[in-house]
Amino acid sequence: MKRVLPIIFTFLYLLAMLRPVMPVFEYIINKDYIAEFYCVNKDKPMLNCDGKCYLAKMIQAQQEDKKQNLPGIDLREYPIGFVNITECNLRNPKEFINKSFFYQELYSYQIHPSIYHPPDC
């Protein structure tokens, strides 16, 4: 499962990256079908359109769809102001000591002598 999930996400990423080029791939694969059924310039064979008019329409429709999906950003909602930069004085480390009242050190570092003694004979 650990190997399958990254492969799936990589495939989805590559699929999303190839989305703008998909009409071109579709045109290359189905060139004869598009030229026969979707071409506007079938009656003008000297133009050698071969369905490129349909490809141009598909690319234009995809670009318009891309523009419609993007939300508009109103810069008045995000005012630009000055950022206060706090200074940190590293010369006096006593300022950084934790002064929490809830911290209790319950661990004892003393070794009990009753535990560590030589064995009896």
C-alpha atoms as a PDB file:
ATOM      1  CA  MET A   1       0.000   0.000   0.000  1.00  0.00           C
ATOM      2  CA  LYS A   2       2.913   2.327   0.711  1.00  0.00           C
ATOM      3  CA  ARG A   3       4.142   1.960  -2.862  1.00  0.00           C
ATOM      4  CA  VAL A   4       0.747   2.111  -4.550  1.00  0.00           C
ATOM      5  CA  LEU A   5      -0.346   5.430  -3.055  1.00  0.00           C
ATOM      6  CA  PRO A   6       2.629   7.488  -4.352  1.00  0.00           C
ATOM      7  CA  ILE A   7       2.225   5.901  -7.775  1.00  0.00           C
ATOM      8  CA  ILE A   8      -1.456   6.866  -7.847  1.00  0.00           C
ATOM      9  CA  PHE A   9      -0.714  10.441  -6.783  1.00  0.00           C
ATOM     10  CA  THR A  10       2.087  10.718  -9.352  1.00  0.00           C
ATOM     11  CA  PHE A  11      -0.268   9.477 -12.060  1.00  0.00           C
ATOM     12  CA  LEU A  12      -2.944  11.996 -11.026  1.00  0.00           C
ATOM     13  CA  TYR A  13      -0.369  14.795 -10.998  1.00  0.00           C
ATOM     14  CA  LEU A  14       0.862  13.908 -14.477  1.00  0.00           C
ATOM     15  CA  LEU A  15      -2.712  13.652 -15.713  1.00  0.00           C
ATOM     16  CA  ALA A  16      -3.439  17.145 -14.389  1.00  0.00           C
ATOM     17  CA  MET A  17      -0.264  18.473 -16.015  1.00  0.00           C
ATOM     18  CA  LEU A  18      -1.248  16.978 -19.389  1.00  0.00           C
ATOM     19  CA  ARG A  19      -4.793  18.354 -19.312  1.00  0.00           C
ATOM     20  CA  PRO A  20      -4.004  21.465 -21.416  1.00  0.00           C
ATOM     21  CA  VAL A  21      -2.462  19.268 -24.132  1.00  0.00           C
ATOM     22  CA  MET A  22      -5.282  16.699 -24.234  1.00  0.00           C
ATOM     23  CA  PRO A  23      -7.150  18.303 -27.197  1.00  0.00           C
ATOM     24  CA  VAL A  24      -3.972  18.043 -29.281  1.00  0.00           C
ATOM     25  CA  PHE A  25      -3.546  14.360 -28.371  1.00  0.00           C
ATOM     26  CA  GLU A  26      -7.217  13.750 -29.153  1.00  0.00           C
ATOM     27  CA  TYR A  27      -6.783  15.469 -32.517  1.00  0.00           C
ATOM     28  CA  ILE A  28      -3.680  13.435 -33.392  1.00  0.00           C
ATOM     29  CA  ILE A  29      -5.353  10.139 -32.465  1.00  0.00           C
ATOM     30  CA  ASN A  30      -8.702  10.854 -34.186  1.00  0.00           C
ATOM     31  CA  LYS A  31      -7.495  13.043 -37.056  1.00  0.00           C
ATOM     32  CA  ASP A  32      -9.356  11.186 -39.816  1.00  0.00           C
ATOM     33  CA  TYR A  33     -12.620  11.007 -37.863  1.00  0.00           C
ATOM     34  CA  ILE A  34     -12.471  14.699 -36.923  1.00  0.00           C
ATOM     35  CA  ALA A  35     -11.659  15.707 -40.520  1.00  0.00           C
ATOM     36  CA  GLU A  36     -14.615  13.700 -41.805  1.00  0.00           C
ATOM     37  CA  PHE A  37     -17.326  14.602 -39.286  1.00  0.00           C
ATOM     38  CA  TYR A  38     -16.362  17.801 -37.463  1.00  0.00           C
ATOM     39  CA  CYS A  39     -14.415  19.824 -40.028  1.00  0.00           C
ATOM     40  CA  VAL A  40     -16.143  23.026 -41.110  1.00  0.00           C
ATOM     41  CA  ASN A  41     -14.051  23.378 -44.264  1.00  0.00           C
ATOM     42  CA  LYS A  42     -14.916  20.018 -45.900  1.00  0.00           C
ATOM     43  CA  ASP A  43     -16.156  21.800 -49.010  1.00  0.00           C
ATOM     44  CA  LYS A  44     -12.787  23.613 -49.418  1.00  0.00           C
ATOM     45  CA  PRO A  45     -10.170  20.845 -49.846  1.00  0.00           C
ATOM     46  CA  MET A  46      -7.517  23.328 -51.033  1.00  0.00           C
ATOM     47  CA  LEU A  47      -7.244  24.703 -47.464  1.00  0.00           C
ATOM     48  CA  ASN A  48      -5.927  21.355 -46.172  1.00  0.00           C
ATOM     49  CA  CYS A  49      -7.735  21.950 -42.902  1.00  0.00           C
ATOM     50  CA  ASP A  50      -8.030  18.283 -41.894  1.00  0.00           C
ATOM     51  CA  GLY A  51      -9.941  19.225 -38.743  1.00  0.00           C
ATOM     52  CA  LYS A  52      -7.571  21.931 -37.511  1.00  0.00           C
ATOM     53  CA  CYS A  53     -10.555  24.260 -37.250  1.00  0.00           C
ATOM     54  CA  TYR A  54     -12.105  21.835 -34.757  1.00  0.00           C
ATOM     55  CA  LEU A  55      -8.805  21.672 -32.852  1.00  0.00           C
ATOM     56  CA  ALA A  56      -8.698  25.478 -32.656  1.00  0.00           C
ATOM     57  CA  LYS A  57     -12.278  25.522 -31.314  1.00  0.00           C
ATOM     58  CA  MET A  58     -11.438  22.901 -28.683  1.00  0.00           C
ATOM     59  CA  ILE A  59      -8.341  24.795 -27.508  1.00  0.00           C
ATOM     60  CA  GLN A  60     -10.269  28.065 -27.367  1.00  0.00           C
ATOM     61  CA  ALA A  61     -13.101  26.414 -25.400  1.00  0.00           C
ATOM     62  CA  GLN A  62     -10.603  24.953 -22.952  1.00  0.00           C
ATOM     63  CA  GLN A  63      -8.931  28.341 -22.427  1.00  0.00           C
ATOM     64  CA  GLU A  64     -12.308  30.004 -21.809  1.00  0.00           C
ATOM     65  CA  ASP A  65     -13.246  27.231 -19.380  1.00  0.00           C
ATOM     66  CA  LYS A  66      -9.944  27.748 -17.581  1.00  0.00           C
ATOM     67  CA  LYS A  67     -10.647  31.476 -17.237  1.00  0.00           C
ATOM     68  CA  GLN A  68     -14.141  30.828 -15.852  1.00  0.00           C
ATOM     69  CA  ASN A  69     -12.889  28.401 -13.188  1.00  0.00           C
ATOM     70  CA  LEU A  70     -10.479  30.907 -11.656  1.00  0.00           C
ATOM     71  CA  PRO A  71     -12.005  32.963  -8.846  1.00  0.00           C
ATOM     72  CA  GLY A  72     -11.612  36.712  -8.997  1.00  0.00           C
ATOM     73  CA  ILE A  73      -9.362  38.312  -6.411  1.00  0.00           C
ATOM     74  CA  ASP A  74     -10.358  41.646  -4.938  1.00  0.00           C
ATOM     75  CA  LEU A  75      -7.207  43.344  -3.691  1.00  0.00           C
ATOM     76  CA  ARG A  76      -9.247  45.600  -1.411  1.00  0.00           C
ATOM     77  CA  GLU A  77      -9.935  42.561   0.771  1.00  0.00           C
ATOM     78  CA  TYR A  78      -6.207  42.027   1.297  1.00  0.00           C
ATOM     79  CA  PRO A  79      -4.737  45.335   2.408  1.00  0.00           C
ATOM     80  CA  ILE A  80      -1.002  45.703   2.218  1.00  0.00           C
ATOM     81  CA  GLY A  81       0.523  47.172   5.343  1.00  0.00           C
ATOM     82  CA  PHE A  82       3.730  47.323   7.264  1.00  0.00           C
ATOM     83  CA  VAL A  83       4.838  44.255   9.135  1.00  0.00           C
ATOM     84  CA  ASN A  84       6.145  44.726  12.658  1.00  0.00           C
ATOM     85  CA  ILE A  85       9.473  43.007  13.056  1.00  0.00           C
ATOM     86  CA  THR A  86      10.303  41.990  16.593  1.00  0.00           C
ATOM     87  CA  GLU A  87      13.894  42.041  17.684  1.00  0.00           C
ATOM     88  CA  CYS A  88      15.393  39.212  19.642  1.00  0.00           C
ATOM     89  CA  ASN A  89      18.214  39.984  22.061  1.00  0.00           C
ATOM     90  CA  LEU A  90      20.439  36.914  22.211  1.00  0.00           C
ATOM     91  CA  ARG A  91      22.979  38.521  24.530  1.00  0.00           C
ATOM     92  CA  ASN A  92      20.742  38.153  27.569  1.00  0.00           C
ATOM     93  CA  PRO A  93      19.482  34.540  27.631  1.00  0.00           C
ATOM     94  CA  LYS A  94      17.674  35.011  30.951  1.00  0.00           C
ATOM     95  CA  GLU A  95      14.771  36.509  29.033  1.00  0.00           C
ATOM     96  CA  PHE A  96      14.131  33.157  27.365  1.00  0.00           C
ATOM     97  CA  ILE A  97      13.919  31.051  30.529  1.00  0.00           C
ATOM     98  CA  ASN A  98      10.613  29.237  30.758  1.00  0.00           C
ATOM     99  CA  LYS A  99       8.704  30.641  33.726  1.00  0.00           C
ATOM    100  CA  SER A 100       5.822  28.210  33.675  1.00  0.00           C
ATOM    101  CA  PHE A 101       4.231  27.466  37.038  1.00  0.00           C
ATOM    102  CA  PHE A 102       2.813  24.163  35.829  1.00  0.00           C
ATOM    103  CA  TYR A 103       6.161  22.521  35.168  1.00  0.00           C
ATOM    104  CA  GLN A 104       7.172  20.036  37.849  1.00  0.00           C
ATOM    105  CA  GLU A 105      10.250  17.887  37.692  1.00  0.00           C
ATOM    106  CA  LEU A 106       9.145  14.586  39.176  1.00  0.00           C
ATOM    107  CA  TYR A 107      12.152  12.566  38.080  1.00  0.00           C
ATOM    108  CA  SER A 108      14.839  11.904  40.668  1.00  0.00           C
ATOM    109  CA  TYR A 109      18.421  11.595  39.481  1.00  0.00           C
ATOM    110  CA  GLN A 110      19.660   9.932  42.686  1.00  0.00           C
ATOM    111  CA  ILE A 111      20.678   6.289  42.462  1.00  0.00           C
ATOM    112  CA  HIS A 112      19.359   4.171  45.319  1.00  0.00           C
ATOM    113  CA  PRO A 113      22.222   2.288  47.019  1.00  0.00           C
ATOM    114  CA  SER A 114      19.931  -0.581  48.028  1.00  0.00           C
ATOM    115  CA  ILE A 115      19.564  -1.634  44.390  1.00  0.00           C
ATOM    116  CA  TYR A 116      23.225  -1.519  43.354  1.00  0.00           C
ATOM    117  CA  HIS A 117      25.226  -3.680  45.783  1.00  0.00           C
ATOM    118  CA  PRO A 118      27.513  -6.693  45.337  1.00  0.00           C
ATOM    119  CA  PRO A 119      25.855 -10.108  45.446  1.00  0.00           C
ATOM    120  CA  ASP A 120      25.799 -12.109  48.677  1.00  0.00           C
ATOM    121  CA  CYS A 121      27.867 -15.291  48.912  1.00  0.00           C
END
